[in-house]
Amino acid sequence: MAFEVQKGTLYVVPTPIGNLADMTPRALETLKNVDFIACEDTRVTGKLLSLFDIKNSLVSYHEHNKKKQGEEILKRLQNGESASVVTDAGTPAISDPGEDLVRLCLEHGVPVVPLVGACAFVTALSASGLDSRRFCFEGFLPADKGEKLDVIKSYKNEKRTVIFYEAPHRIEETAKLLLEILGDRKVCVARELTKLNEEICVIPLSEFCGKLQNTAPKGEYVLILEGAKDEKPFFEGLSIEQHVGFYMKQGLDKMNAIKACAKDRGVSKNEIYKHFI
């Protein structure tokens, strides 16, 4: 099917995260027909294009030059050129500086057209068996340990499935912190997705931490963590008398047991005391 790109338009083009067969015909046609391609690493994208016999102009656009280069790309688009933005692997603008370029274009009235394609966290989530109706995507955690701790703590009571990306050299520290702060819960660990050594397993977080002590981590990880469970209070199902009796068996006198019961239930001690009059 013939495909014609629109001038003055930015195309968000996903590339394979491993298996080249995941490159869509529409993505290939777009990369072939735009005036230029903004990419994270010209060497990586150049190799990909050569595999599909595509010759096009590449412009380096990454985290360290995105402000200056983004303005240059915007000018070219405003002058009527068309462009694709790609990342080294997967969907641009998802935990990626392409997000800034998309925002810049939208702020200046430049049309942005997204294409469907490979995305690591969506791929992993679909094979996790964890709740996909409600989830939140954190992406890469901060490298600074203090900042990382703050982010992880913010998910202590998060009931939705939580998704992280992590690099191999930080995965062991991150897994230990997740276990320490969030407790032992089910985690889907995915790495090398769609590649020869693809690994996807769903195990307790404690077991994953143990495995990391005996194996050298390879490849970037997707961690899909089960949401926090509603914990029922220990006194659920107990009558007021039984609740107070529980504390008296622990050694408290009757009045202090009544106070403890009232505190548990979020009521005044008089509300509990009247049951014993």
C-alpha atoms as a PDB file:
ATOM      1  CA  MET A   1       0.000   0.000   0.000  1.00  0.00           C
ATOM      2  CA  ALA A   2       1.422   3.375  -0.993  1.00  0.00           C
ATOM      3  CA  PHE A   3       2.083   5.688   1.906  1.00  0.00           C
ATOM      4  CA  GLU A   4       2.500   9.416   1.640  1.00  0.00           C
ATOM      5  CA  VAL A   5       3.927  11.431   4.520  1.00  0.00           C
ATOM      6  CA  GLN A   6       2.526  14.849   5.283  1.00  0.00           C
ATOM      7  CA  LYS A   7       4.850  17.831   5.202  1.00  0.00           C
ATOM      8  CA  GLY A   8       5.465  19.736   8.408  1.00  0.00           C
ATOM      9  CA  THR A   9       4.618  16.648  10.468  1.00  0.00           C
ATOM     10  CA  LEU A  10       6.482  14.679  13.121  1.00  0.00           C
ATOM     11  CA  TYR A  11       5.975  10.890  13.045  1.00  0.00           C
ATOM     12  CA  VAL A  12       6.583   8.883  16.233  1.00  0.00           C
ATOM     13  CA  VAL A  13       7.932   5.582  14.911  1.00  0.00           C
ATOM     14  CA  PRO A  14       8.516   2.516  17.128  1.00  0.00           C
ATOM     15  CA  THR A  15      11.379   0.180  16.264  1.00  0.00           C
ATOM     16  CA  PRO A  16      11.870  -3.472  17.336  1.00  0.00           C
ATOM     17  CA  ILE A  17      13.065  -4.193  20.858  1.00  0.00           C
ATOM     18  CA  GLY A  18      14.779  -7.311  19.596  1.00  0.00           C
ATOM     19  CA  ASN A  19      13.070  -9.266  16.839  1.00  0.00           C
ATOM     20  CA  LEU A  20      13.353  -7.462  13.494  1.00  0.00           C
ATOM     21  CA  ALA A  21      10.149  -9.118  12.299  1.00  0.00           C
ATOM     22  CA  ASP A  22       8.284  -6.740  14.623  1.00  0.00           C
ATOM     23  CA  MET A  23       9.060  -3.814  12.318  1.00  0.00           C
ATOM     24  CA  THR A  24       5.750  -2.852  10.697  1.00  0.00           C
ATOM     25  CA  PRO A  25       5.326  -2.044   6.995  1.00  0.00           C
ATOM     26  CA  ARG A  26       3.947   1.376   7.898  1.00  0.00           C
ATOM     27  CA  ALA A  27       7.011   2.129  10.028  1.00  0.00           C
ATOM     28  CA  LEU A  28       9.325   1.162   7.164  1.00  0.00           C
ATOM     29  CA  GLU A  29       7.434   3.314   4.676  1.00  0.00           C
ATOM     30  CA  THR A  30       7.466   6.265   7.044  1.00  0.00           C
ATOM     31  CA  LEU A  31      11.204   6.039   7.700  1.00  0.00           C
ATOM     32  CA  LYS A  32      11.814   5.766   3.984  1.00  0.00           C
ATOM     33  CA  ASN A  33       9.699   8.762   2.982  1.00  0.00           C
ATOM     34  CA  VAL A  34      10.214  11.442   5.634  1.00  0.00           C
ATOM     35  CA  ASP A  35      12.788  14.161   4.942  1.00  0.00           C
ATOM     36  CA  PHE A  36      14.917  13.185   7.947  1.00  0.00           C
ATOM     37  CA  ILE A  37      14.992  10.983  11.048  1.00  0.00           C
ATOM     38  CA  ALA A  38      15.746  12.171  14.581  1.00  0.00           C
ATOM     39  CA  CYS A  39      17.336   9.293  16.487  1.00  0.00           C
ATOM     40  CA  GLU A  40      18.914   8.560  19.845  1.00  0.00           C
ATOM     41  CA  ASP A  41      22.093   7.015  18.411  1.00  0.00           C
ATOM     42  CA  THR A  42      22.900   7.424  14.704  1.00  0.00           C
ATOM     43  CA  ARG A  43      25.017   4.245  14.732  1.00  0.00           C
ATOM     44  CA  VAL A  44      22.198   2.092  16.091  1.00  0.00           C
ATOM     45  CA  THR A  45      19.536   3.563  13.804  1.00  0.00           C
ATOM     46  CA  GLY A  46      21.914   3.546  10.828  1.00  0.00           C
ATOM     47  CA  LYS A  47      22.450  -0.183  11.273  1.00  0.00           C
ATOM     48  CA  LEU A  48      18.711  -0.791  11.502  1.00  0.00           C
ATOM     49  CA  LEU A  49      18.006   1.205   8.348  1.00  0.00           C
ATOM     50  CA  SER A  50      20.709  -0.629   6.403  1.00  0.00           C
ATOM     51  CA  LEU A  51      19.113  -3.977   7.291  1.00  0.00           C
ATOM     52  CA  PHE A  52      15.933  -2.785   5.560  1.00  0.00           C
ATOM     53  CA  ASP A  53      17.800  -1.044   2.740  1.00  0.00           C
ATOM     54  CA  ILE A  54      16.581   2.400   3.771  1.00  0.00           C
ATOM     55  CA  LYS A  55      18.724   5.425   3.046  1.00  0.00           C
ATOM     56  CA  ASN A  56      17.771   8.628   4.806  1.00  0.00           C
ATOM     57  CA  SER A  57      19.298  11.593   6.630  1.00  0.00           C
ATOM     58  CA  LEU A  58      19.874  11.046  10.363  1.00  0.00           C
ATOM     59  CA  VAL A  59      19.921  13.733  13.053  1.00  0.00           C
ATOM     60  CA  SER A  60      21.235  12.959  16.532  1.00  0.00           C
ATOM     61  CA  TYR A  61      18.633  13.723  19.201  1.00  0.00           C
ATOM     62  CA  HIS A  62      19.165  12.467  22.750  1.00  0.00           C
ATOM     63  CA  GLU A  63      19.003  13.394  26.423  1.00  0.00           C
ATOM     64  CA  HIS A  64      22.131  15.568  26.341  1.00  0.00           C
ATOM     65  CA  ASN A  65      21.339  17.681  23.272  1.00  0.00           C
ATOM     66  CA  LYS A  66      17.539  17.620  23.234  1.00  0.00           C
ATOM     67  CA  LYS A  67      17.027  21.313  23.999  1.00  0.00           C
ATOM     68  CA  LYS A  68      19.253  22.720  21.253  1.00  0.00           C
ATOM     69  CA  GLN A  69      18.577  19.966  18.735  1.00  0.00           C
ATOM     70  CA  GLY A  70      14.850  20.006  19.475  1.00  0.00           C
ATOM     71  CA  GLU A  71      14.665  23.666  18.471  1.00  0.00           C
ATOM     72  CA  GLU A  72      16.514  22.931  15.214  1.00  0.00           C
ATOM     73  CA  ILE A  73      14.166  20.054  14.395  1.00  0.00           C
ATOM     74  CA  LEU A  74      11.168  22.258  15.160  1.00  0.00           C
ATOM     75  CA  LYS A  75      12.404  24.931  12.743  1.00  0.00           C
ATOM     76  CA  ARG A  76      12.776  22.394   9.965  1.00  0.00           C
ATOM     77  CA  LEU A  77       9.277  21.074  10.574  1.00  0.00           C
ATOM     78  CA  GLN A  78       7.862  24.592  10.617  1.00  0.00           C
ATOM     79  CA  ASN A  79       9.583  25.185   7.274  1.00  0.00           C
ATOM     80  CA  GLY A  80       7.627  22.300   5.760  1.00  0.00           C
ATOM     81  CA  GLU A  81       9.905  19.292   6.181  1.00  0.00           C
ATOM     82  CA  SER A  82       8.649  15.988   7.598  1.00  0.00           C
ATOM     83  CA  ALA A  83      10.477  13.933  10.215  1.00  0.00           C
ATOM     84  CA  SER A  84      10.373  10.712  12.183  1.00  0.00           C
ATOM     85  CA  VAL A  85      11.578  10.402  15.749  1.00  0.00           C
ATOM     86  CA  VAL A  86      12.888   6.993  16.844  1.00  0.00           C
ATOM     87  CA  THR A  87      14.620   5.609  19.896  1.00  0.00           C
ATOM     88  CA  ASP A  88      17.245   2.851  19.966  1.00  0.00           C
ATOM     89  CA  ALA A  89      14.522   0.274  20.617  1.00  0.00           C
ATOM     90  CA  GLY A  90      10.805   0.406  21.268  1.00  0.00           C
ATOM     91  CA  THR A  91       8.385   3.311  21.224  1.00  0.00           C
ATOM     92  CA  PRO A  92       9.819   6.841  21.365  1.00  0.00           C
ATOM     93  CA  ALA A  93       8.548   9.251  24.036  1.00  0.00           C
ATOM     94  CA  ILE A  94       7.930   6.410  26.536  1.00  0.00           C
ATOM     95  CA  SER A  95      10.553   6.962  29.257  1.00  0.00           C
ATOM     96  CA  ASP A  96      12.558   8.593  26.465  1.00  0.00           C
ATOM     97  CA  PRO A  97      13.637  12.143  25.433  1.00  0.00           C
ATOM     98  CA  GLY A  98      11.342  11.866  22.418  1.00  0.00           C
ATOM     99  CA  GLU A  99       8.672  13.010  24.880  1.00  0.00           C
ATOM    100  CA  ASP A 100      10.232  16.476  24.936  1.00  0.00           C
ATOM    101  CA  LEU A 101      10.282  16.730  21.143  1.00  0.00           C
ATOM    102  CA  VAL A 102       6.630  15.692  20.906  1.00  0.00           C
ATOM    103  CA  ARG A 103       5.678  18.283  23.529  1.00  0.00           C
ATOM    104  CA  LEU A 104       7.680  20.998  21.754  1.00  0.00           C
ATOM    105  CA  CYS A 105       5.957  20.271  18.464  1.00  0.00           C
ATOM    106  CA  LEU A 106       2.490  20.271  20.012  1.00  0.00           C
ATOM    107  CA  GLU A 107       3.182  23.559  21.801  1.00  0.00           C
ATOM    108  CA  HIS A 108       4.011  25.147  18.428  1.00  0.00           C
ATOM    109  CA  GLY A 109       1.141  23.666  16.466  1.00  0.00           C
ATOM    110  CA  VAL A 110       3.177  21.062  14.574  1.00  0.00           C
ATOM    111  CA  PRO A 111       1.116  17.879  13.915  1.00  0.00           C
ATOM    112  CA  VAL A 112       2.321  14.706  15.609  1.00  0.00           C
ATOM    113  CA  VAL A 113       1.333  11.316  14.173  1.00  0.00           C
ATOM    114  CA  PRO A 114       1.990   8.203  16.330  1.00  0.00           C
ATOM    115  CA  LEU A 115       2.528   4.748  14.838  1.00  0.00           C
ATOM    116  CA  VAL A 116       1.882   1.513  16.705  1.00  0.00           C
ATOM    117  CA  GLY A 117       4.701  -0.890  17.427  1.00  0.00           C
ATOM    118  CA  ALA A 118       6.955  -2.538  19.983  1.00  0.00           C
ATOM    119  CA  CYS A 119       6.929  -1.338  23.603  1.00  0.00           C
ATOM    120  CA  ALA A 120       8.801  -3.298  26.280  1.00  0.00           C
ATOM    121  CA  PHE A 121       6.499  -2.719  29.237  1.00  0.00           C
ATOM    122  CA  VAL A 122       3.315  -3.485  27.272  1.00  0.00           C
ATOM    123  CA  THR A 123       4.897  -6.665  25.926  1.00  0.00           C
ATOM    124  CA  ALA A 124       5.903  -7.779  29.425  1.00  0.00           C
ATOM    125  CA  LEU A 125       2.559  -6.841  30.978  1.00  0.00           C
ATOM    126  CA  SER A 126       0.663  -8.929  28.435  1.00  0.00           C
ATOM    127  CA  ALA A 127       2.577 -12.033  29.565  1.00  0.00           C
ATOM    128  CA  SER A 128       2.617 -11.315  33.305  1.00  0.00           C
ATOM    129  CA  GLY A 129      -0.815 -12.554  34.336  1.00  0.00           C
ATOM    130  CA  LEU A 130      -0.963  -9.585  36.745  1.00  0.00           C
ATOM    131  CA  ASP A 131      -3.790  -7.066  36.845  1.00  0.00           C
ATOM    132  CA  SER A 132      -3.645  -5.054  33.604  1.00  0.00           C
ATOM    133  CA  ARG A 133      -6.954  -3.247  34.069  1.00  0.00           C
ATOM    134  CA  ARG A 134      -5.348  -0.718  36.400  1.00  0.00           C
ATOM    135  CA  PHE A 135      -1.599  -0.151  36.359  1.00  0.00           C
ATOM    136  CA  CYS A 136       0.935   2.672  36.635  1.00  0.00           C
ATOM    137  CA  PHE A 137       4.210   3.001  34.763  1.00  0.00           C
ATOM    138  CA  GLU A 138       7.181   4.504  36.619  1.00  0.00           C
ATOM    139  CA  GLY A 139       9.876   3.781  34.046  1.00  0.00           C
ATOM    140  CA  PHE A 140      13.499   4.067  35.182  1.00  0.00           C
ATOM    141  CA  LEU A 141      14.009   4.828  38.866  1.00  0.00           C
ATOM    142  CA  PRO A 142      16.431   7.649  39.805  1.00  0.00           C
ATOM    143  CA  ALA A 143      20.099   6.679  40.000  1.00  0.00           C
ATOM    144  CA  ASP A 144      20.500   8.577  43.285  1.00  0.00           C
ATOM    145  CA  LYS A 145      19.714   6.180  46.143  1.00  0.00           C
ATOM    146  CA  GLY A 146      17.923   8.789  48.253  1.00  0.00           C
ATOM    147  CA  GLU A 147      15.657   9.813  45.399  1.00  0.00           C
ATOM    148  CA  LYS A 148      15.084   6.155  44.527  1.00  0.00           C
ATOM    149  CA  LEU A 149      14.003   5.435  48.103  1.00  0.00           C
ATOM    150  CA  ASP A 150      11.501   8.295  48.019  1.00  0.00           C
ATOM    151  CA  VAL A 151       9.970   7.035  44.773  1.00  0.00           C
ATOM    152  CA  ILE A 152       9.688   3.445  46.003  1.00  0.00           C
ATOM    153  CA  LYS A 153       8.146   4.558  49.313  1.00  0.00           C
ATOM    154  CA  SER A 154       5.463   6.434  47.380  1.00  0.00           C
ATOM    155  CA  TYR A 155       4.213   3.063  46.086  1.00  0.00           C
ATOM    156  CA  LYS A 156       3.885   1.473  49.551  1.00  0.00           C
ATOM    157  CA  ASN A 157       0.084   1.508  49.461  1.00  0.00           C
ATOM    158  CA  GLU A 158      -0.408   1.581  45.678  1.00  0.00           C
ATOM    159  CA  LYS A 159      -3.027  -1.028  44.827  1.00  0.00           C
ATOM    160  CA  ARG A 160      -2.490  -0.853  41.071  1.00  0.00           C
ATOM    161  CA  THR A 161       0.114  -2.971  39.303  1.00  0.00           C
ATOM    162  CA  VAL A 162       3.389  -0.975  39.197  1.00  0.00           C
ATOM    163  CA  ILE A 163       5.870  -1.187  36.311  1.00  0.00           C
ATOM    164  CA  PHE A 164       9.559  -0.263  36.463  1.00  0.00           C
ATOM    165  CA  TYR A 165      12.456  -0.330  34.016  1.00  0.00           C
ATOM    166  CA  GLU A 166      15.926  -1.021  35.393  1.00  0.00           C
ATOM    167  CA  ALA A 167      19.462  -1.357  34.063  1.00  0.00           C
ATOM    168  CA  PRO A 168      21.438  -4.563  34.767  1.00  0.00           C
ATOM    169  CA  HIS A 169      24.075  -2.836  36.908  1.00  0.00           C
ATOM    170  CA  ARG A 170      21.392  -1.453  39.251  1.00  0.00           C
ATOM    171  CA  ILE A 171      18.883  -4.307  39.281  1.00  0.00           C
ATOM    172  CA  GLU A 172      20.182  -6.058  42.425  1.00  0.00           C
ATOM    173  CA  GLU A 173      20.093  -2.900  44.555  1.00  0.00           C
ATOM    174  CA  THR A 174      16.652  -1.960  43.236  1.00  0.00           C
ATOM    175  CA  ALA A 175      15.192  -5.422  43.858  1.00  0.00           C
ATOM    176  CA  LYS A 176      16.459  -5.415  47.454  1.00  0.00           C
ATOM    177  CA  LEU A 177      14.958  -1.975  48.087  1.00  0.00           C
ATOM    178  CA  LEU A 178      11.615  -3.031  46.601  1.00  0.00           C
ATOM    179  CA  LEU A 179      11.553  -6.082  48.892  1.00  0.00           C
ATOM    180  CA  GLU A 180      12.626  -4.096  51.949  1.00  0.00           C
ATOM    181  CA  ILE A 181      10.139  -1.247  51.460  1.00  0.00           C
ATOM    182  CA  LEU A 182       7.164  -2.845  49.727  1.00  0.00           C
ATOM    183  CA  GLY A 183       7.365  -6.338  51.183  1.00  0.00           C
ATOM    184  CA  ASP A 184       7.411  -9.729  49.512  1.00  0.00           C
ATOM    185  CA  ARG A 185       4.895  -9.711  46.698  1.00  0.00           C
ATOM    186  CA  LYS A 186       4.553 -11.267  43.260  1.00  0.00           C
ATOM    187  CA  VAL A 187       6.753  -9.789  40.500  1.00  0.00           C
ATOM    188  CA  CYS A 188       6.988 -10.471  36.784  1.00  0.00           C
ATOM    189  CA  VAL A 189      10.607 -10.203  35.677  1.00  0.00           C
ATOM    190  CA  ALA A 190      11.165  -9.749  31.948  1.00  0.00           C
ATOM    191  CA  ARG A 191      14.468  -9.264  30.155  1.00  0.00           C
ATOM    192  CA  GLU A 192      15.850  -9.638  26.641  1.00  0.00           C
ATOM    193  CA  LEU A 193      12.278  -9.445  25.331  1.00  0.00           C
ATOM    194  CA  THR A 194      11.738 -10.865  21.812  1.00  0.00           C
ATOM    195  CA  LYS A 195      15.437 -11.810  21.651  1.00  0.00           C
ATOM    196  CA  LEU A 196      17.108 -15.221  21.590  1.00  0.00           C
ATOM    197  CA  ASN A 197      17.638 -15.300  25.376  1.00  0.00           C
ATOM    198  CA  GLU A 198      14.227 -13.892  26.304  1.00  0.00           C
ATOM    199  CA  GLU A 199      13.270 -14.603  29.901  1.00  0.00           C
ATOM    200  CA  ILE A 200       9.888 -13.949  31.528  1.00  0.00           C
ATOM    201  CA  CYS A 201       9.089 -15.360  34.957  1.00  0.00           C
ATOM    202  CA  VAL A 202       6.559 -14.585  37.677  1.00  0.00           C
ATOM    203  CA  ILE A 203       7.973 -15.277  41.132  1.00  0.00           C
ATOM    204  CA  PRO A 204       7.981 -13.845  44.673  1.00  0.00           C
ATOM    205  CA  LEU A 205      10.211 -10.775  44.956  1.00  0.00           C
ATOM    206  CA  SER A 206      12.283 -12.519  47.645  1.00  0.00           C
ATOM    207  CA  GLU A 207      13.036 -15.385  45.255  1.00  0.00           C
ATOM    208  CA  PHE A 208      14.098 -12.950  42.549  1.00  0.00           C
ATOM    209  CA  CYS A 209      16.508 -11.261  44.970  1.00  0.00           C
ATOM    210  CA  GLY A 210      17.995 -14.663  45.763  1.00  0.00           C
ATOM    211  CA  LYS A 211      18.461 -15.486  42.076  1.00  0.00           C
ATOM    212  CA  LEU A 212      20.317 -12.220  41.489  1.00  0.00           C
ATOM    213  CA  GLN A 213      22.958 -13.229  44.036  1.00  0.00           C
ATOM    214  CA  ASN A 214      23.899 -16.247  41.931  1.00  0.00           C
ATOM    215  CA  THR A 215      23.651 -14.903  38.380  1.00  0.00           C
ATOM    216  CA  ALA A 216      25.217 -12.015  36.490  1.00  0.00           C
ATOM    217  CA  PRO A 217      22.392  -9.706  35.302  1.00  0.00           C
ATOM    218  CA  LYS A 218      22.237  -9.167  31.536  1.00  0.00           C
ATOM    219  CA  GLY A 219      19.997  -6.897  29.489  1.00  0.00           C
ATOM    220  CA  GLU A 220      17.594  -4.221  30.649  1.00  0.00           C
ATOM    221  CA  TYR A 221      14.812  -5.404  32.924  1.00  0.00           C
ATOM    222  CA  VAL A 222      11.090  -4.793  33.076  1.00  0.00           C
ATOM    223  CA  LEU A 223       9.750  -5.373  36.599  1.00  0.00           C
ATOM    224  CA  ILE A 224       5.973  -5.665  36.949  1.00  0.00           C
ATOM    225  CA  LEU A 225       5.057  -5.613  40.601  1.00  0.00           C
ATOM    226  CA  GLU A 226       1.786  -6.789  42.080  1.00  0.00           C
ATOM    227  CA  GLY A 227      -0.196  -4.007  43.760  1.00  0.00           C
ATOM    228  CA  ALA A 228      -0.579  -3.724  47.528  1.00  0.00           C
ATOM    229  CA  LYS A 229      -3.282  -5.879  49.042  1.00  0.00           C
ATOM    230  CA  ASP A 230      -5.993  -4.640  51.377  1.00  0.00           C
ATOM    231  CA  GLU A 231      -4.974  -5.829  54.814  1.00  0.00           C
ATOM    232  CA  LYS A 232      -7.915  -6.645  57.054  1.00  0.00           C
ATOM    233  CA  PRO A 233      -7.532  -5.495  60.691  1.00  0.00           C
ATOM    234  CA  PHE A 234      -6.952  -8.345  63.120  1.00  0.00           C
ATOM    235  CA  PHE A 235     -10.132  -7.436  65.036  1.00  0.00           C
ATOM    236  CA  GLU A 236     -12.443  -7.775  62.030  1.00  0.00           C
ATOM    237  CA  GLY A 237     -15.248 -10.166  63.007  1.00  0.00           C
ATOM    238  CA  LEU A 238     -14.645  -9.697  66.745  1.00  0.00           C
ATOM    239  CA  SER A 239     -17.359  -8.223  68.935  1.00  0.00           C
ATOM    240  CA  ILE A 240     -16.482  -5.240  71.157  1.00  0.00           C
ATOM    241  CA  GLU A 241     -16.287  -7.579  74.136  1.00  0.00           C
ATOM    242  CA  GLN A 242     -14.009 -10.011  72.299  1.00  0.00           C
ATOM    243  CA  HIS A 243     -11.810  -7.152  71.086  1.00  0.00           C
ATOM    244  CA  VAL A 244     -11.352  -5.808  74.617  1.00  0.00           C
ATOM    245  CA  GLY A 245     -10.837  -9.369  75.857  1.00  0.00           C
ATOM    246  CA  PHE A 246      -8.019  -9.823  73.365  1.00  0.00           C
ATOM    247  CA  TYR A 247      -6.081  -6.949  74.949  1.00  0.00           C
ATOM    248  CA  MET A 248      -6.823  -8.119  78.474  1.00  0.00           C
ATOM    249  CA  LYS A 249      -5.310 -11.495  77.585  1.00  0.00           C
ATOM    250  CA  GLN A 250      -2.190  -9.563  76.527  1.00  0.00           C
ATOM    251  CA  GLY A 251      -1.914  -8.229  80.089  1.00  0.00           C
ATOM    252  CA  LEU A 252      -3.722  -4.882  79.917  1.00  0.00           C
ATOM    253  CA  ASP A 253      -6.206  -3.940  82.611  1.00  0.00           C
ATOM    254  CA  LYS A 254      -9.803  -3.385  81.576  1.00  0.00           C
ATOM    255  CA  MET A 255      -9.624   0.410  81.122  1.00  0.00           C
ATOM    256  CA  ASN A 256      -6.442   0.319  79.048  1.00  0.00           C
ATOM    257  CA  ALA A 257      -7.871  -2.531  76.992  1.00  0.00           C
ATOM    258  CA  ILE A 258     -10.932  -0.358  76.304  1.00  0.00           C
ATOM    259  CA  LYS A 259      -8.673   2.543  75.245  1.00  0.00           C
ATOM    260  CA  ALA A 260      -6.700   0.256  72.889  1.00  0.00           C
ATOM    261  CA  CYS A 261      -9.926  -1.098  71.409  1.00  0.00           C
ATOM    262  CA  ALA A 262     -11.261   2.440  70.871  1.00  0.00           C
ATOM    263  CA  LYS A 263      -8.022   3.499  69.150  1.00  0.00           C
ATOM    264  CA  ASP A 264      -8.182   0.484  66.805  1.00  0.00           C
ATOM    265  CA  ARG A 265     -11.744   1.279  65.818  1.00  0.00           C
ATOM    266  CA  GLY A 266     -11.313   5.049  65.594  1.00  0.00           C
ATOM    267  CA  VAL A 267     -13.996   5.836  68.166  1.00  0.00           C
ATOM    268  CA  SER A 268     -14.047   7.400  71.644  1.00  0.00           C
ATOM    269  CA  LYS A 269     -13.323   5.203  74.656  1.00  0.00           C
ATOM    270  CA  ASN A 270     -16.798   6.075  76.000  1.00  0.00           C
ATOM    271  CA  GLU A 271     -18.301   4.438  72.910  1.00  0.00           C
ATOM    272  CA  ILE A 272     -16.553   1.205  73.896  1.00  0.00           C
ATOM    273  CA  TYR A 273     -17.051   1.593  77.646  1.00  0.00           C
ATOM    274  CA  LYS A 274     -20.862   1.698  77.384  1.00  0.00           C
ATOM    275  CA  HIS A 275     -20.795  -1.936  76.251  1.00  0.00           C
ATOM    276  CA  PHE A 276     -19.565  -2.880  79.738  1.00  0.00           C
ATOM    277  CA  ILE A 277     -22.043  -0.907  81.831  1.00  0.00           C
END
